[in-house]
Amino acid sequence: MRQACENTLKELKTDYLDLYLIHFPVSFQHGVKEATSLKHMTDVNLEETWKAMEQLVKDGLVKNIGVSNFEIEEIQRILKMNTVPIACNQ
C-alpha cells in the first residue's frame, strides 16, 4: 500500500494527500483492470488494510483516511480496532 501511495504522490507532484480512501472493500485479482464479475475480485483483510492506511497517516504521507462503498458491518469492523478515525465515509 505504501508503494501505491508514494506512486500517487509522485504522479501528483505533491508531498502528501489530504484524504486517501479505501474505495471498495474488495481487491481486483492481479492484472485485472476492470472487475466485471466476482471471479475478478478477492476479499481483503480490512483490519490489515486499515492498519496500513493508519501507517500512511503516521508517516505523514496522508492527512486523513476514509472509506467508500462500505457496508455498515465493514465500517463496524474498522471501528473495533482503529486508532486513526475514519475521516470520510463516501
N, C-alpha and C. Protein backbone atom coordinates (compact mmCIF):
# COMPACT_ATOMS: atom_id res chain seq x y z
N MET A 1 0.81 -1.19 0.00
CA MET A 1 0.00 0.00 0.00
C MET A 1 0.86 1.26 0.00
N ARG A 2 1.94 1.24 0.76
CA ARG A 2 2.80 2.42 0.80
C ARG A 2 3.33 2.77 -0.59
N GLN A 3 3.75 1.75 -1.34
CA GLN A 3 4.29 1.99 -2.67
C GLN A 3 3.23 2.63 -3.57
N ALA A 4 2.00 2.16 -3.49
CA ALA A 4 0.92 2.74 -4.29
C ALA A 4 0.71 4.20 -3.92
N CYS A 5 0.74 4.50 -2.64
CA CYS A 5 0.57 5.88 -2.19
C CYS A 5 1.73 6.74 -2.66
N GLU A 6 2.94 6.24 -2.53
CA GLU A 6 4.12 7.00 -2.99
C GLU A 6 4.05 7.25 -4.50
N ASN A 7 3.59 6.27 -5.26
CA ASN A 7 3.43 6.45 -6.71
C ASN A 7 2.42 7.56 -7.00
N THR A 8 1.33 7.57 -6.26
CA THR A 8 0.31 8.61 -6.44
C THR A 8 0.90 9.99 -6.11
N LEU A 9 1.62 10.08 -5.02
CA LEU A 9 2.24 11.35 -4.64
C LEU A 9 3.19 11.84 -5.73
N LYS A 10 3.96 10.93 -6.26
CA LYS A 10 4.91 11.29 -7.32
C LYS A 10 4.17 11.78 -8.57
N GLU A 11 3.12 11.06 -8.97
CA GLU A 11 2.35 11.44 -10.15
C GLU A 11 1.67 12.80 -9.97
N LEU A 12 1.23 13.07 -8.75
CA LEU A 12 0.56 14.34 -8.47
C LEU A 12 1.54 15.47 -8.12
N LYS A 13 2.82 15.09 -8.00
CA LYS A 13 3.87 16.07 -7.66
C LYS A 13 3.54 16.81 -6.37
N THR A 14 3.26 16.02 -5.33
CA THR A 14 2.96 16.59 -4.01
C THR A 14 3.60 15.73 -2.94
N ASP A 15 3.72 16.29 -1.74
CA ASP A 15 4.37 15.59 -0.63
C ASP A 15 3.40 14.78 0.23
N TYR A 16 2.12 15.13 0.16
CA TYR A 16 1.12 14.42 0.96
C TYR A 16 -0.25 14.56 0.32
N LEU A 17 -1.17 13.71 0.77
CA LEU A 17 -2.56 13.78 0.33
C LEU A 17 -3.42 14.23 1.51
N ASP A 18 -4.40 15.08 1.25
CA ASP A 18 -5.33 15.49 2.30
C ASP A 18 -6.25 14.34 2.72
N LEU A 19 -6.64 13.50 1.76
CA LEU A 19 -7.56 12.40 2.04
C LEU A 19 -7.23 11.22 1.13
N TYR A 20 -7.17 10.04 1.73
CA TYR A 20 -6.90 8.80 0.99
C TYR A 20 -7.99 7.82 1.39
N LEU A 21 -8.69 7.26 0.41
CA LEU A 21 -9.81 6.37 0.68
C LEU A 21 -9.53 4.94 0.26
N ILE A 22 -10.08 4.01 1.01
CA ILE A 22 -10.23 2.64 0.54
C ILE A 22 -11.51 2.70 -0.29
N HIS A 23 -11.38 2.58 -1.60
CA HIS A 23 -12.51 2.83 -2.49
C HIS A 23 -13.59 1.75 -2.40
N PHE A 24 -13.19 0.52 -2.17
CA PHE A 24 -14.14 -0.59 -2.16
C PHE A 24 -13.52 -1.69 -1.30
N PRO A 25 -14.30 -2.40 -0.50
CA PRO A 25 -13.73 -3.38 0.43
C PRO A 25 -13.37 -4.73 -0.20
N VAL A 26 -13.03 -4.73 -1.47
CA VAL A 26 -12.51 -5.92 -2.14
C VAL A 26 -11.34 -5.48 -3.01
N SER A 27 -10.61 -6.44 -3.49
CA SER A 27 -9.46 -6.14 -4.34
C SER A 27 -9.61 -6.89 -5.66
N PHE A 28 -9.15 -6.26 -6.73
CA PHE A 28 -9.12 -6.94 -8.03
C PHE A 28 -8.04 -8.01 -8.01
N GLN A 29 -8.29 -9.10 -8.71
CA GLN A 29 -7.26 -10.11 -8.92
C GLN A 29 -6.08 -9.45 -9.64
N HIS A 30 -4.89 -9.95 -9.41
CA HIS A 30 -3.69 -9.38 -10.04
C HIS A 30 -3.87 -9.34 -11.55
N GLY A 31 -3.62 -8.17 -12.13
CA GLY A 31 -3.69 -8.00 -13.57
C GLY A 31 -5.04 -7.55 -14.10
N VAL A 32 -6.09 -7.61 -13.26
CA VAL A 32 -7.42 -7.20 -13.71
C VAL A 32 -7.54 -5.69 -13.61
N LYS A 33 -7.93 -5.04 -14.69
CA LYS A 33 -8.08 -3.58 -14.73
C LYS A 33 -9.51 -3.15 -14.42
N GLU A 34 -10.48 -3.98 -14.79
CA GLU A 34 -11.88 -3.68 -14.53
C GLU A 34 -12.59 -4.97 -14.14
N ALA A 35 -13.08 -5.02 -12.92
CA ALA A 35 -13.76 -6.22 -12.43
C ALA A 35 -15.20 -6.22 -12.91
N THR A 36 -15.56 -7.22 -13.69
CA THR A 36 -16.92 -7.32 -14.20
C THR A 36 -17.69 -8.49 -13.59
N SER A 37 -17.02 -9.28 -12.77
CA SER A 37 -17.68 -10.37 -12.07
C SER A 37 -16.90 -10.70 -10.80
N LEU A 38 -17.51 -11.49 -9.93
CA LEU A 38 -16.86 -11.85 -8.68
C LEU A 38 -15.55 -12.61 -8.88
N LYS A 39 -15.43 -13.32 -9.99
CA LYS A 39 -14.19 -14.07 -10.23
C LYS A 39 -12.99 -13.15 -10.44
N HIS A 40 -13.24 -11.87 -10.72
CA HIS A 40 -12.17 -10.89 -10.90
C HIS A 40 -11.75 -10.23 -9.58
N MET A 41 -12.43 -10.58 -8.48
CA MET A 41 -12.18 -9.93 -7.20
C MET A 41 -11.73 -10.94 -6.16
N THR A 42 -11.09 -10.42 -5.13
CA THR A 42 -10.70 -11.24 -3.99
C THR A 42 -10.99 -10.46 -2.72
N ASP A 43 -11.28 -11.16 -1.65
CA ASP A 43 -11.51 -10.48 -0.38
C ASP A 43 -10.20 -9.92 0.15
N VAL A 44 -10.31 -8.84 0.89
CA VAL A 44 -9.14 -8.25 1.53
C VAL A 44 -9.36 -8.26 3.03
N ASN A 45 -8.28 -8.31 3.78
CA ASN A 45 -8.38 -8.21 5.22
C ASN A 45 -8.52 -6.73 5.57
N LEU A 46 -9.73 -6.34 5.96
CA LEU A 46 -9.99 -4.92 6.24
C LEU A 46 -9.13 -4.38 7.36
N GLU A 47 -8.93 -5.19 8.38
CA GLU A 47 -8.15 -4.74 9.52
C GLU A 47 -6.69 -4.47 9.13
N GLU A 48 -6.11 -5.37 8.36
CA GLU A 48 -4.72 -5.16 7.89
C GLU A 48 -4.64 -3.95 6.96
N THR A 49 -5.63 -3.81 6.10
CA THR A 49 -5.65 -2.68 5.17
C THR A 49 -5.77 -1.38 5.94
N TRP A 50 -6.67 -1.33 6.93
CA TRP A 50 -6.83 -0.10 7.71
C TRP A 50 -5.55 0.23 8.48
N LYS A 51 -4.90 -0.77 9.05
CA LYS A 51 -3.64 -0.52 9.77
C LYS A 51 -2.60 0.07 8.81
N ALA A 52 -2.55 -0.42 7.58
CA ALA A 52 -1.62 0.13 6.59
C ALA A 52 -1.98 1.58 6.27
N MET A 53 -3.27 1.87 6.20
CA MET A 53 -3.71 3.26 5.97
C MET A 53 -3.30 4.14 7.15
N GLU A 54 -3.48 3.65 8.36
CA GLU A 54 -3.07 4.40 9.55
C GLU A 54 -1.57 4.69 9.53
N GLN A 55 -0.79 3.75 9.04
CA GLN A 55 0.66 3.96 8.98
C GLN A 55 1.00 5.09 8.01
N LEU A 56 0.24 5.21 6.93
CA LEU A 56 0.46 6.32 5.99
C LEU A 56 0.24 7.66 6.68
N VAL A 57 -0.76 7.71 7.56
CA VAL A 57 -1.01 8.94 8.34
C VAL A 57 0.17 9.19 9.28
N LYS A 58 0.58 8.17 10.00
CA LYS A 58 1.69 8.30 10.96
C LYS A 58 2.99 8.71 10.27
N ASP A 59 3.16 8.28 9.03
CA ASP A 59 4.37 8.61 8.27
C ASP A 59 4.28 9.97 7.58
N GLY A 60 3.12 10.62 7.68
CA GLY A 60 2.96 11.95 7.12
C GLY A 60 2.67 12.00 5.63
N LEU A 61 2.40 10.85 5.02
CA LEU A 61 2.09 10.83 3.59
C LEU A 61 0.64 11.21 3.32
N VAL A 62 -0.20 11.01 4.33
CA VAL A 62 -1.63 11.24 4.21
C VAL A 62 -2.11 11.95 5.48
N LYS A 63 -2.98 12.93 5.33
CA LYS A 63 -3.51 13.66 6.49
C LYS A 63 -4.73 12.97 7.09
N ASN A 64 -5.62 12.46 6.23
CA ASN A 64 -6.86 11.82 6.67
C ASN A 64 -7.12 10.58 5.83
N ILE A 65 -7.82 9.60 6.43
CA ILE A 65 -8.14 8.37 5.72
C ILE A 65 -9.63 8.09 5.87
N GLY A 66 -10.18 7.38 4.90
CA GLY A 66 -11.60 7.08 4.93
C GLY A 66 -11.95 5.89 4.07
N VAL A 67 -13.25 5.70 3.91
CA VAL A 67 -13.77 4.55 3.16
C VAL A 67 -14.82 5.01 2.15
N SER A 68 -15.05 4.17 1.16
CA SER A 68 -16.06 4.42 0.14
C SER A 68 -16.69 3.08 -0.23
N ASN A 69 -18.00 3.07 -0.39
CA ASN A 69 -18.73 1.86 -0.79
C ASN A 69 -18.67 0.75 0.24
N PHE A 70 -18.62 1.10 1.51
CA PHE A 70 -18.57 0.12 2.59
C PHE A 70 -19.96 -0.09 3.17
N GLU A 71 -20.25 -1.31 3.57
CA GLU A 71 -21.47 -1.63 4.30
C GLU A 71 -21.25 -1.31 5.78
N ILE A 72 -22.33 -1.17 6.52
CA ILE A 72 -22.25 -0.85 7.94
C ILE A 72 -21.38 -1.85 8.69
N GLU A 73 -21.53 -3.13 8.38
CA GLU A 73 -20.77 -4.18 9.08
C GLU A 73 -19.27 -4.00 8.86
N GLU A 74 -18.88 -3.60 7.68
CA GLU A 74 -17.46 -3.40 7.39
C GLU A 74 -16.91 -2.19 8.14
N ILE A 75 -17.70 -1.15 8.23
CA ILE A 75 -17.29 0.03 9.00
C ILE A 75 -17.19 -0.34 10.48
N GLN A 76 -18.12 -1.11 10.98
CA GLN A 76 -18.08 -1.53 12.38
C GLN A 76 -16.82 -2.35 12.68
N ARG A 77 -16.38 -3.17 11.74
CA ARG A 77 -15.13 -3.93 11.92
C ARG A 77 -13.95 -2.99 12.11
N ILE A 78 -13.90 -1.95 11.31
CA ILE A 78 -12.80 -0.98 11.43
C ILE A 78 -12.91 -0.24 12.76
N LEU A 79 -14.10 0.15 13.14
CA LEU A 79 -14.29 0.92 14.38
C LEU A 79 -13.89 0.13 15.63
N LYS A 80 -13.88 -1.18 15.54
CA LYS A 80 -13.49 -2.01 16.68
C LYS A 80 -11.98 -1.99 16.91
N MET A 81 -11.19 -1.57 15.90
CA MET A 81 -9.74 -1.69 16.05
C MET A 81 -8.96 -0.46 15.64
N ASN A 82 -9.60 0.55 15.10
CA ASN A 82 -8.85 1.69 14.57
C ASN A 82 -8.27 2.57 15.67
N THR A 83 -7.14 3.21 15.35
CA THR A 83 -6.55 4.23 16.22
C THR A 83 -6.59 5.58 15.54
N VAL A 84 -6.77 5.60 14.23
CA VAL A 84 -6.96 6.83 13.47
C VAL A 84 -8.41 6.83 13.02
N PRO A 85 -9.15 7.92 13.27
CA PRO A 85 -10.58 7.91 12.93
C PRO A 85 -10.84 7.86 11.42
N ILE A 86 -12.00 7.32 11.09
CA ILE A 86 -12.49 7.36 9.71
C ILE A 86 -12.91 8.79 9.45
N ALA A 87 -12.20 9.49 8.60
CA ALA A 87 -12.47 10.91 8.35
C ALA A 87 -13.57 11.11 7.32
N CYS A 88 -13.82 10.11 6.51
CA CYS A 88 -14.81 10.26 5.44
C CYS A 88 -15.44 8.91 5.15
N ASN A 89 -16.76 8.91 5.01
CA ASN A 89 -17.50 7.73 4.56
C ASN A 89 -18.25 8.17 3.33
N GLN A 90 -17.70 7.85 2.18
CA GLN A 90 -18.30 8.29 0.92
C GLN A 90 -19.26 7.25 0.40
